[in-house]
Amino acid sequence: MASSENRRHDSKSSAGFTRREFLPMLGATTALAALGPRALAAASDQSAKTKPSDAQARFVYVGTYTAPGTPPGGTHPSSAVGIYVFKLNPSDGGLTPVQTVPASNPSFVALDPTLTHLYSVNEDAPGSVSAYALNSSNGTLTFLNSMSAIGKFTTHISVHPSGQYLFAANYGDLSAPGNFPVYRINANGSIGTMTDLFQGVGYGTNAGPNPERQETLHAHQILTDLSSSHVCAVDLGADKVNVLNLNLGTGKLTPATVPFGPVASGSGCRHMAFHPDKSHAYVLDELVSSITVSKYDPVRGAFIWVQTISTLPSDFTGVNTTAEIRVHPSGQFLYNTNRGHNSVTMYAIDEETAELDVIGWESTRGEWPRGMNLDPSGTFLYVGNQNTDTIGVFRIQPSNGKLKFSTLVVTPTPVDIEFGPLA
């Protein structure tokens, strides 16, 4: 994996009360008020801790970079061995180990719509993709098969909402520019034949604006929009989001009416996320630490620029690259990870324009936060600190979207975090 690191250039009740019950409570409240705001804040914190969680116990799957290699942007060789399966504790968001599944560099994982199968990349050279049957009663995985990705360093994977096709992104290098393979999913959930290998277009024969990171096409993410109208393929090397149509019969990808959405030259788009309203999109620009906000037309697949906003404080002077972006299920908040600043940026989303306003920054309690995700209820945010072998768990405050640290899970080289069936 050390050699792949060089190739990739991944930078560093109102219930009734009796008089006997009520008076002591009133007395306690009066006493707290007399103590002042600090005591009231402490009481509020304690109340939040005891409040029933909206989260539910469910199985959680963590992708990793595995031993003996040093991961991209890493500081030491990994000790991970594959995919780690956990059970979520809804009281504090903590994770209890369930199973470890040996695999080679399963850095990113995805589940099918029925939550009965899991798919992973194998971020190697050459790259591949793998399928697992998921036992919904105990969360465990059983290997089904692997298929070549016809490319190098497969870095992202997703399942079409129909459950019929699997998409992947090969980051690639000069000898094999990044591309996007498509596979048919067999009836038993295994990966079937490759139906297409979409090759985008970059800056031409010369390197892109950032010659160290944009020396060729670098496919980084592929996902379906929330209307299931188009497939969006994010290319860091080309500074564009390819907008594609999927033929459900043949499994072929073809350019949409508006074939791509651009970002600023040299921005290096990495990942993106859609707003629940289905008509706005957020593209995370890795190389310049910004987010490009666009109005999105799901009929034509068109991106119309609305805003570009920095992910960093104005006084930050260090080196930083962004990694992951997620929208809260409520559509009110958005989060991204910063590698270098080692933080999660928190944003409020304007309900009319969908523009972003920074709420603040929260330390991830670790280093090199790569993957990040929110549990389906929107109660907890999980962030994988790759270089310090921990997952930081934060409770999301529903009133303002701010993060409150909950617990730290120790696990080797966590990258992607995905949520499975209820436990």
Protein backbone atom coordinates (compact mmCIF):
# COMPACT_ATOMS: atom_id res chain seq x y z
CA MET A 1 0.00 0.00 0.00
CA ALA A 2 2.99 2.28 0.45
CA SER A 3 3.50 2.28 -3.32
CA SER A 4 -0.15 3.05 -3.96
CA GLU A 5 0.14 5.96 -1.57
CA ASN A 6 2.82 7.49 -3.79
CA ARG A 7 0.79 6.90 -6.92
CA ARG A 8 -2.34 8.43 -5.47
CA HIS A 9 -0.60 11.55 -4.14
CA ASP A 10 -3.17 11.70 -1.34
CA SER A 11 -2.14 14.79 0.61
CA LYS A 12 -1.41 15.08 4.00
CA SER A 13 -45.66 14.45 29.66
CA SER A 14 -47.08 16.29 30.53
CA ALA A 15 -47.42 13.85 33.46
CA GLY A 16 -49.37 14.81 36.59
CA PHE A 17 -47.54 15.34 39.86
CA THR A 18 -48.82 15.15 43.41
CA ARG A 19 -48.09 18.04 45.75
CA ARG A 20 -45.55 15.82 47.52
CA GLU A 21 -43.79 15.13 44.21
CA PHE A 22 -43.96 18.66 42.88
CA LEU A 23 -42.69 20.72 45.81
CA PRO A 24 -39.30 19.03 46.06
CA MET A 25 -38.87 19.52 42.33
CA LEU A 26 -39.77 23.19 42.66
CA GLY A 27 -37.30 23.53 45.48
CA ALA A 28 -34.55 21.96 43.43
CA THR A 29 -35.27 24.27 40.51
CA THR A 30 -35.21 27.33 42.77
CA ALA A 31 -31.91 26.20 44.21
CA LEU A 32 -30.41 25.78 40.76
CA ALA A 33 -31.61 29.21 39.72
CA ALA A 34 -29.94 30.68 42.77
CA LEU A 35 -26.68 29.03 41.74
CA GLY A 36 -26.77 30.79 38.37
CA PRO A 37 -26.44 29.94 34.66
CA ARG A 38 -23.55 27.51 35.05
CA ALA A 39 -25.58 25.21 37.29
CA LEU A 40 -28.55 25.48 34.95
CA ALA A 41 -26.34 24.52 32.02
CA ALA A 42 -25.04 21.52 33.93
CA ALA A 43 -28.58 20.44 34.70
CA SER A 44 -29.45 20.82 31.02
CA ASP A 45 -26.48 18.65 30.04
CA GLN A 46 -27.53 15.99 32.51
CA SER A 47 -31.08 16.10 31.15
CA ALA A 48 -29.74 15.63 27.62
CA LYS A 49 -27.78 12.58 28.72
CA THR A 50 -30.83 10.94 30.27
CA LYS A 51 -33.25 11.91 27.48
CA PRO A 52 -34.33 8.89 25.43
CA SER A 53 -32.41 8.73 22.18
CA ASP A 54 -34.11 8.81 18.80
CA ALA A 55 -31.40 6.45 17.55
CA GLN A 56 -32.05 2.72 17.43
CA ALA A 57 -29.76 -0.21 18.03
CA ARG A 58 -28.50 -1.31 14.65
CA PHE A 59 -25.48 -2.89 13.00
CA VAL A 60 -22.70 -0.63 11.78
CA TYR A 61 -20.03 -1.46 9.18
CA VAL A 62 -16.63 0.20 9.06
CA GLY A 63 -14.31 0.05 6.05
CA THR A 64 -10.55 0.30 6.56
CA TYR A 65 -7.12 0.43 5.00
CA THR A 66 -5.46 -2.81 6.01
CA ALA A 67 -2.07 -4.10 7.17
CA PRO A 68 0.73 -4.13 6.37
CA GLY A 69 0.51 -0.98 4.24
CA THR A 70 0.54 2.64 5.29
CA PRO A 71 -2.70 4.25 4.09
CA PRO A 72 -2.83 7.36 1.89
CA GLY A 73 -2.04 10.30 4.13
CA GLY A 74 -1.05 7.86 6.87
CA THR A 75 1.66 8.22 9.50
CA HIS A 76 2.19 4.55 10.32
CA PRO A 77 1.42 1.07 8.96
CA SER A 78 -2.14 -0.07 9.49
CA SER A 79 -3.04 -2.92 11.84
CA ALA A 80 -6.56 -3.36 10.42
CA VAL A 81 -7.48 -6.67 8.79
CA GLY A 82 -10.72 -5.90 6.92
CA ILE A 83 -14.32 -4.85 7.53
CA TYR A 84 -15.35 -4.28 11.16
CA VAL A 85 -18.92 -4.98 12.24
CA PHE A 86 -20.35 -3.25 15.32
CA LYS A 87 -23.64 -2.86 17.18
CA LEU A 88 -24.77 0.71 17.93
CA ASN A 89 -25.73 1.64 21.49
CA PRO A 90 -28.58 4.17 21.14
CA SER A 91 -27.95 5.73 24.55
CA ASP A 92 -24.55 7.23 23.72
CA GLY A 93 -23.83 6.11 20.16
CA GLY A 94 -21.06 3.76 21.28
CA LEU A 95 -20.12 0.76 19.17
CA THR A 96 -19.72 -2.82 20.42
CA PRO A 97 -17.66 -5.22 18.25
CA VAL A 98 -19.60 -8.02 16.54
CA GLN A 99 -17.33 -9.42 13.80
CA THR A 100 -14.14 -8.77 11.88
CA VAL A 101 -14.17 -9.82 8.23
CA PRO A 102 -10.75 -10.26 6.58
CA ALA A 103 -10.38 -8.30 3.33
CA SER A 104 -7.78 -6.27 1.46
CA ASN A 105 -8.21 -2.49 1.79
CA PRO A 106 -12.02 -2.41 1.94
CA SER A 107 -11.84 1.35 2.43
CA PHE A 108 -15.41 2.10 1.33
CA VAL A 109 -18.52 -0.03 1.79
CA ALA A 110 -22.17 0.20 0.72
CA LEU A 111 -25.38 -1.65 1.50
CA ASP A 112 -28.18 -2.52 -0.89
CA PRO A 113 -31.68 -1.00 -0.41
CA THR A 114 -32.95 -4.13 1.37
CA LEU A 115 -30.00 -4.17 3.81
CA THR A 116 -29.37 -7.83 3.02
CA HIS A 117 -26.07 -7.45 1.18
CA LEU A 118 -22.94 -5.37 1.62
CA TYR A 119 -20.45 -4.41 -1.06
CA SER A 120 -16.92 -3.13 -0.62
CA VAL A 121 -14.11 -1.77 -2.72
CA ASN A 122 -10.66 -3.31 -2.53
CA GLU A 123 -8.49 -0.23 -2.94
CA ASP A 124 -5.51 -2.00 -4.46
CA ALA A 125 -3.59 -1.95 -7.75
CA PRO A 126 -5.31 -3.56 -9.53
CA GLY A 127 -8.59 -2.70 -7.82
CA SER A 128 -11.60 -4.91 -7.28
CA VAL A 129 -15.04 -5.00 -5.66
CA SER A 130 -16.48 -7.62 -3.30
CA ALA A 131 -19.92 -8.80 -2.20
CA TYR A 132 -21.13 -10.18 1.14
CA ALA A 133 -24.41 -11.67 2.32
CA LEU A 134 -25.66 -9.92 5.46
CA ASN A 135 -27.41 -11.88 8.22
CA SER A 136 -29.97 -9.36 9.45
CA SER A 137 -30.54 -11.24 12.71
CA ASN A 138 -26.98 -10.88 13.97
CA GLY A 139 -25.35 -8.44 11.53
CA THR A 140 -22.62 -10.81 10.39
CA LEU A 141 -21.22 -10.95 6.85
CA THR A 142 -20.48 -13.94 4.64
CA PHE A 143 -18.25 -13.49 1.60
CA LEU A 144 -19.90 -14.13 -1.79
CA ASN A 145 -17.49 -13.09 -4.54
CA SER A 146 -15.10 -10.49 -5.93
CA MET A 147 -14.78 -8.99 -9.39
CA SER A 148 -12.03 -7.01 -11.07
CA ALA A 149 -12.66 -3.27 -11.29
CA ILE A 150 -10.59 -2.92 -14.48
CA GLY A 151 -8.74 -0.03 -12.89
CA LYS A 152 -6.51 1.01 -10.01
CA PHE A 153 -7.24 1.96 -6.42
CA THR A 154 -11.01 1.51 -6.35
CA THR A 155 -12.06 4.19 -3.91
CA HIS A 156 -15.88 4.38 -3.81
CA ILE A 157 -18.87 2.11 -4.27
CA SER A 158 -22.66 2.53 -4.29
CA VAL A 159 -25.80 0.59 -5.19
CA HIS A 160 -28.46 1.92 -7.54
CA PRO A 161 -31.82 2.41 -5.73
CA SER A 162 -33.34 -0.29 -7.93
CA GLY A 163 -30.93 -2.80 -6.40
CA GLN A 164 -30.06 -4.03 -9.89
CA TYR A 165 -26.67 -2.39 -10.39
CA LEU A 166 -23.46 -1.71 -8.51
CA PHE A 167 -21.30 1.34 -9.27
CA ALA A 168 -17.66 1.90 -8.38
CA ALA A 169 -14.98 4.56 -8.88
CA ASN A 170 -11.37 3.76 -9.75
CA TYR A 171 -9.08 6.59 -8.62
CA GLY A 172 -6.44 5.54 -11.11
CA ASP A 173 -2.98 6.84 -12.00
CA LEU A 174 -1.04 7.93 -15.10
CA SER A 175 -0.89 4.39 -16.46
CA ALA A 176 -4.63 3.84 -15.89
CA PRO A 177 -6.69 7.06 -15.66
CA GLY A 178 -9.67 7.01 -13.32
CA ASN A 179 -12.93 5.49 -14.53
CA PHE A 180 -16.31 4.19 -13.32
CA PRO A 181 -17.28 0.49 -13.68
CA VAL A 182 -20.88 -0.73 -13.54
CA TYR A 183 -21.95 -4.28 -12.61
CA ARG A 184 -25.18 -6.18 -12.69
CA ILE A 185 -26.18 -7.57 -9.28
CA ASN A 186 -27.19 -11.24 -9.40
CA ALA A 187 -30.37 -12.61 -7.77
CA ASN A 188 -28.38 -13.98 -4.82
CA GLY A 189 -26.68 -10.60 -4.26
CA SER A 190 -23.34 -11.55 -5.73
CA ILE A 191 -21.63 -9.27 -8.26
CA GLY A 192 -22.38 -10.21 -11.84
CA THR A 193 -20.95 -9.15 -15.17
CA MET A 194 -19.57 -5.67 -15.78
CA THR A 195 -22.09 -3.89 -17.99
CA ASP A 196 -20.13 -0.69 -18.58
CA LEU A 197 -16.87 1.11 -17.86
CA PHE A 198 -17.49 4.83 -18.14
CA GLN A 199 -14.44 6.91 -19.01
CA GLY A 200 -14.77 10.63 -18.49
CA VAL A 201 -12.86 13.43 -20.20
CA GLY A 202 -10.29 15.59 -18.43
CA TYR A 203 -8.09 18.54 -19.32
CA GLY A 204 -6.51 16.82 -22.32
CA THR A 205 -2.95 15.62 -22.79
CA ASN A 206 -1.51 18.08 -20.27
CA ALA A 207 -1.94 17.95 -16.50
CA GLY A 208 -4.81 19.81 -14.90
CA PRO A 209 -4.46 23.07 -12.95
CA ASN A 210 -2.97 21.25 -9.95
CA PRO A 211 -0.28 19.11 -11.61
CA GLU A 212 0.50 17.10 -8.47
CA ARG A 213 -3.07 15.90 -7.94
CA GLN A 214 -4.68 16.48 -11.34
CA GLU A 215 -2.06 14.85 -13.56
CA THR A 216 -4.82 12.60 -14.93
CA LEU A 217 -8.46 11.67 -14.37
CA HIS A 218 -9.17 10.69 -10.74
CA ALA A 219 -12.62 9.16 -10.26
CA HIS A 220 -13.55 9.61 -6.60
CA GLN A 221 -17.27 8.96 -6.09
CA ILE A 222 -20.31 7.69 -7.97
CA LEU A 223 -23.89 7.90 -6.65
CA THR A 224 -27.50 8.24 -7.79
CA ASP A 225 -29.44 11.46 -7.24
CA LEU A 226 -32.39 11.35 -4.83
CA SER A 227 -34.94 11.29 -7.65
CA SER A 228 -33.21 8.25 -9.17
CA SER A 229 -33.08 10.25 -12.40
CA HIS A 230 -29.33 10.47 -12.94
CA VAL A 231 -26.05 8.96 -11.83
CA CYS A 232 -23.41 11.48 -10.75
CA ALA A 233 -19.74 10.56 -11.14
CA VAL A 234 -17.33 12.90 -9.35
CA ASP A 235 -13.88 13.31 -10.93
CA LEU A 236 -11.22 15.13 -8.88
CA GLY A 237 -8.74 15.22 -11.74
CA ALA A 238 -11.18 16.83 -14.17
CA ASP A 239 -12.86 19.32 -11.79
CA LYS A 240 -16.29 18.07 -12.79
CA VAL A 241 -19.31 15.99 -11.82
CA ASN A 242 -20.27 13.79 -14.77
CA VAL A 243 -24.07 13.58 -15.03
CA LEU A 244 -25.17 10.30 -16.56
CA ASN A 245 -28.27 8.33 -17.52
CA LEU A 246 -28.47 4.64 -16.62
CA ASN A 247 -30.27 2.26 -18.96
CA LEU A 248 -31.90 -0.21 -16.55
CA GLY A 249 -32.10 -2.81 -19.27
CA THR A 250 -28.51 -2.80 -20.47
CA GLY A 251 -26.65 -1.28 -17.52
CA LYS A 252 -24.99 1.28 -19.80
CA LEU A 253 -24.21 4.87 -18.80
CA THR A 254 -24.65 7.74 -21.26
CA PRO A 255 -24.24 11.51 -20.75
CA ALA A 256 -27.35 13.38 -19.62
CA THR A 257 -28.82 16.38 -21.42
CA VAL A 258 -26.42 18.56 -19.45
CA PRO A 259 -23.42 16.18 -19.32
CA PHE A 260 -21.54 17.59 -16.37
CA GLY A 261 -21.54 20.07 -13.53
CA PRO A 262 -18.26 21.98 -13.15
CA VAL A 263 -16.46 23.32 -10.13
CA ALA A 264 -13.79 26.01 -10.11
CA SER A 265 -10.55 25.15 -11.86
CA GLY A 266 -8.14 23.33 -9.56
CA SER A 267 -10.76 22.75 -6.85
CA GLY A 268 -10.52 18.99 -7.09
CA CYS A 269 -14.06 17.85 -6.34
CA ARG A 270 -14.00 14.70 -4.21
CA HIS A 271 -17.47 13.82 -2.85
CA MET A 272 -20.94 15.31 -3.04
CA ALA A 273 -24.32 15.10 -1.28
CA PHE A 274 -27.89 15.99 -2.21
CA HIS A 275 -30.35 17.97 -0.11
CA PRO A 276 -33.54 16.04 0.84
CA ASP A 277 -35.52 18.50 -1.29
CA LYS A 278 -33.89 16.75 -4.29
CA SER A 279 -33.21 20.09 -5.97
CA HIS A 280 -29.94 21.20 -4.37
CA ALA A 281 -26.49 19.64 -4.36
CA TYR A 282 -23.29 20.19 -2.38
CA VAL A 283 -19.92 19.33 -3.90
CA LEU A 284 -16.91 19.04 -1.60
CA ASP A 285 -13.76 20.49 -3.15
CA GLU A 286 -10.83 18.59 -1.65
CA LEU A 287 -7.89 20.57 -2.97
CA VAL A 288 -9.06 24.05 -1.92
CA SER A 289 -11.17 23.15 1.16
CA SER A 290 -14.46 24.55 -0.05
CA ILE A 291 -18.03 23.49 -0.80
CA THR A 292 -19.76 24.40 -4.04
CA VAL A 293 -23.53 24.78 -3.57
CA SER A 294 -25.74 24.36 -6.64
CA LYS A 295 -29.39 24.34 -7.51
CA TYR A 296 -29.99 20.97 -9.14
CA ASP A 297 -32.53 20.20 -11.86
CA PRO A 298 -33.27 16.45 -11.57
CA VAL A 299 -35.01 16.41 -14.96
CA ARG A 300 -32.09 17.70 -17.02
CA GLY A 301 -29.37 16.88 -14.52
CA ALA A 302 -28.20 20.49 -14.52
CA PHE A 303 -26.10 22.12 -11.78
CA ILE A 304 -26.61 25.89 -11.38
CA TRP A 305 -24.04 27.60 -9.14
CA VAL A 306 -25.39 29.24 -5.98
CA GLN A 307 -22.48 29.61 -3.54
CA THR A 308 -18.90 28.62 -2.80
CA ILE A 309 -17.89 28.62 0.87
CA SER A 310 -14.65 27.77 2.69
CA THR A 311 -14.61 24.84 5.11
CA LEU A 312 -11.90 26.45 7.28
CA PRO A 313 -11.67 29.29 9.81
CA SER A 314 -10.32 32.49 8.29
CA ASP A 315 -7.27 32.43 10.58
CA PHE A 316 -6.20 28.86 9.76
CA THR A 317 -2.76 28.77 8.15
CA GLY A 318 -1.89 25.06 7.98
CA VAL A 319 -2.25 22.47 5.25
CA ASN A 320 -5.71 20.93 4.86
CA THR A 321 -7.70 18.73 2.51
CA THR A 322 -11.37 17.87 2.84
CA ALA A 323 -12.67 14.31 2.75
CA GLU A 324 -16.37 13.65 3.43
CA ILE A 325 -19.65 15.57 3.23
CA ARG A 326 -23.07 14.65 4.65
CA VAL A 327 -26.48 16.37 4.89
CA HIS A 328 -28.59 15.88 8.02
CA PRO A 329 -31.84 13.95 7.34
CA SER A 330 -33.84 17.02 8.42
CA GLY A 331 -32.25 19.06 5.64
CA GLN A 332 -31.35 21.76 8.16
CA PHE A 333 -27.64 21.08 8.62
CA LEU A 334 -24.57 19.95 6.70
CA TYR A 335 -21.18 18.63 7.84
CA ASN A 336 -17.77 17.99 6.28
CA THR A 337 -14.44 16.65 7.53
CA ASN A 338 -11.15 18.55 7.39
CA ARG A 339 -7.88 16.59 7.30
CA GLY A 340 -5.16 18.82 8.72
CA HIS A 341 -7.44 21.10 10.71
CA ASN A 342 -8.76 17.78 12.13
CA SER A 343 -12.29 19.03 12.49
CA VAL A 344 -15.87 18.77 11.35
CA THR A 345 -17.28 21.98 9.93
CA MET A 346 -20.92 22.50 10.92
CA TYR A 347 -23.30 24.51 8.72
CA ALA A 348 -26.90 25.68 8.87
CA ILE A 349 -28.78 25.32 5.57
CA ASP A 350 -31.04 28.21 4.54
CA GLU A 351 -34.54 26.80 4.09
CA GLU A 352 -35.24 28.94 1.02
CA THR A 353 -31.97 29.18 -0.88
CA ALA A 354 -30.17 26.09 0.54
CA GLU A 355 -27.07 28.26 1.01
CA LEU A 356 -24.70 27.41 3.84
CA ASP A 357 -23.84 29.44 6.92
CA VAL A 358 -21.01 28.19 9.15
CA ILE A 359 -22.11 27.30 12.67
CA GLY A 360 -18.59 26.46 13.81
CA TRP A 361 -15.91 23.79 13.96
CA GLU A 362 -15.71 20.74 16.23
CA SER A 363 -12.49 18.83 16.89
CA THR A 364 -12.74 15.20 15.83
CA ARG A 365 -10.68 14.15 18.88
CA GLY A 366 -8.16 12.56 16.54
CA GLU A 367 -6.12 13.01 13.39
CA TRP A 368 -6.83 12.79 9.67
CA PRO A 369 -10.64 12.50 9.75
CA ARG A 370 -11.48 10.81 6.49
CA GLY A 371 -14.90 9.11 6.48
CA MET A 372 -17.94 10.46 8.34
CA ASN A 373 -21.62 9.56 8.50
CA LEU A 374 -24.83 10.22 10.43
CA ASP A 375 -27.00 7.45 11.83
CA PRO A 376 -30.37 7.25 10.02
CA SER A 377 -32.22 9.02 12.84
CA GLY A 378 -29.86 12.00 12.65
CA THR A 379 -29.02 11.65 16.35
CA PHE A 380 -25.31 10.84 16.14
CA LEU A 381 -22.45 11.77 13.85
CA TYR A 382 -19.53 9.35 13.47
CA VAL A 383 -16.13 10.38 12.16
CA GLY A 384 -13.21 8.07 11.44
CA ASN A 385 -9.85 9.39 12.65
CA GLN A 386 -7.62 7.39 10.32
CA ASN A 387 -4.22 8.21 11.81
CA THR A 388 -5.19 7.85 15.48
CA ASP A 389 -7.27 4.66 15.12
CA THR A 390 -10.50 5.99 16.61
CA ILE A 391 -14.07 6.84 15.66
CA GLY A 392 -15.32 10.02 17.30
CA VAL A 393 -19.03 9.89 18.18
CA PHE A 394 -20.95 13.14 18.56
CA ARG A 395 -24.56 13.85 19.51
CA ILE A 396 -26.22 16.32 17.15
CA GLN A 397 -28.16 19.04 18.95
CA PRO A 398 -31.46 19.24 17.02
CA SER A 399 -32.09 22.88 17.92
CA ASN A 400 -28.95 24.24 16.28
CA GLY A 401 -27.04 21.42 14.58
CA LYS A 402 -24.00 21.73 16.82
CA LEU A 403 -22.02 18.64 17.79
CA LYS A 404 -21.55 17.53 21.38
CA PHE A 405 -18.84 14.94 22.00
CA SER A 406 -20.23 11.63 23.27
CA THR A 407 -17.61 8.88 23.12
CA LEU A 408 -14.51 7.59 21.35
CA VAL A 409 -14.41 4.11 19.80
CA VAL A 410 -10.97 2.54 19.40
CA THR A 411 -10.64 0.63 16.10
CA PRO A 412 -7.78 0.47 13.57
CA THR A 413 -7.59 2.82 10.58
CA PRO A 414 -11.31 3.60 10.19
CA VAL A 415 -12.30 5.09 6.85
CA ASP A 416 -15.96 4.69 5.89
CA ILE A 417 -18.89 4.14 8.31
CA GLU A 418 -22.21 2.77 7.04
CA PHE A 419 -25.43 1.74 8.80
CA GLY A 420 -27.21 -1.60 8.42
CA PRO A 421 -30.36 -3.25 9.77
CA LEU A 422 -31.79 -2.85 13.24
CA ALA A 423 -30.17 -5.06 15.84
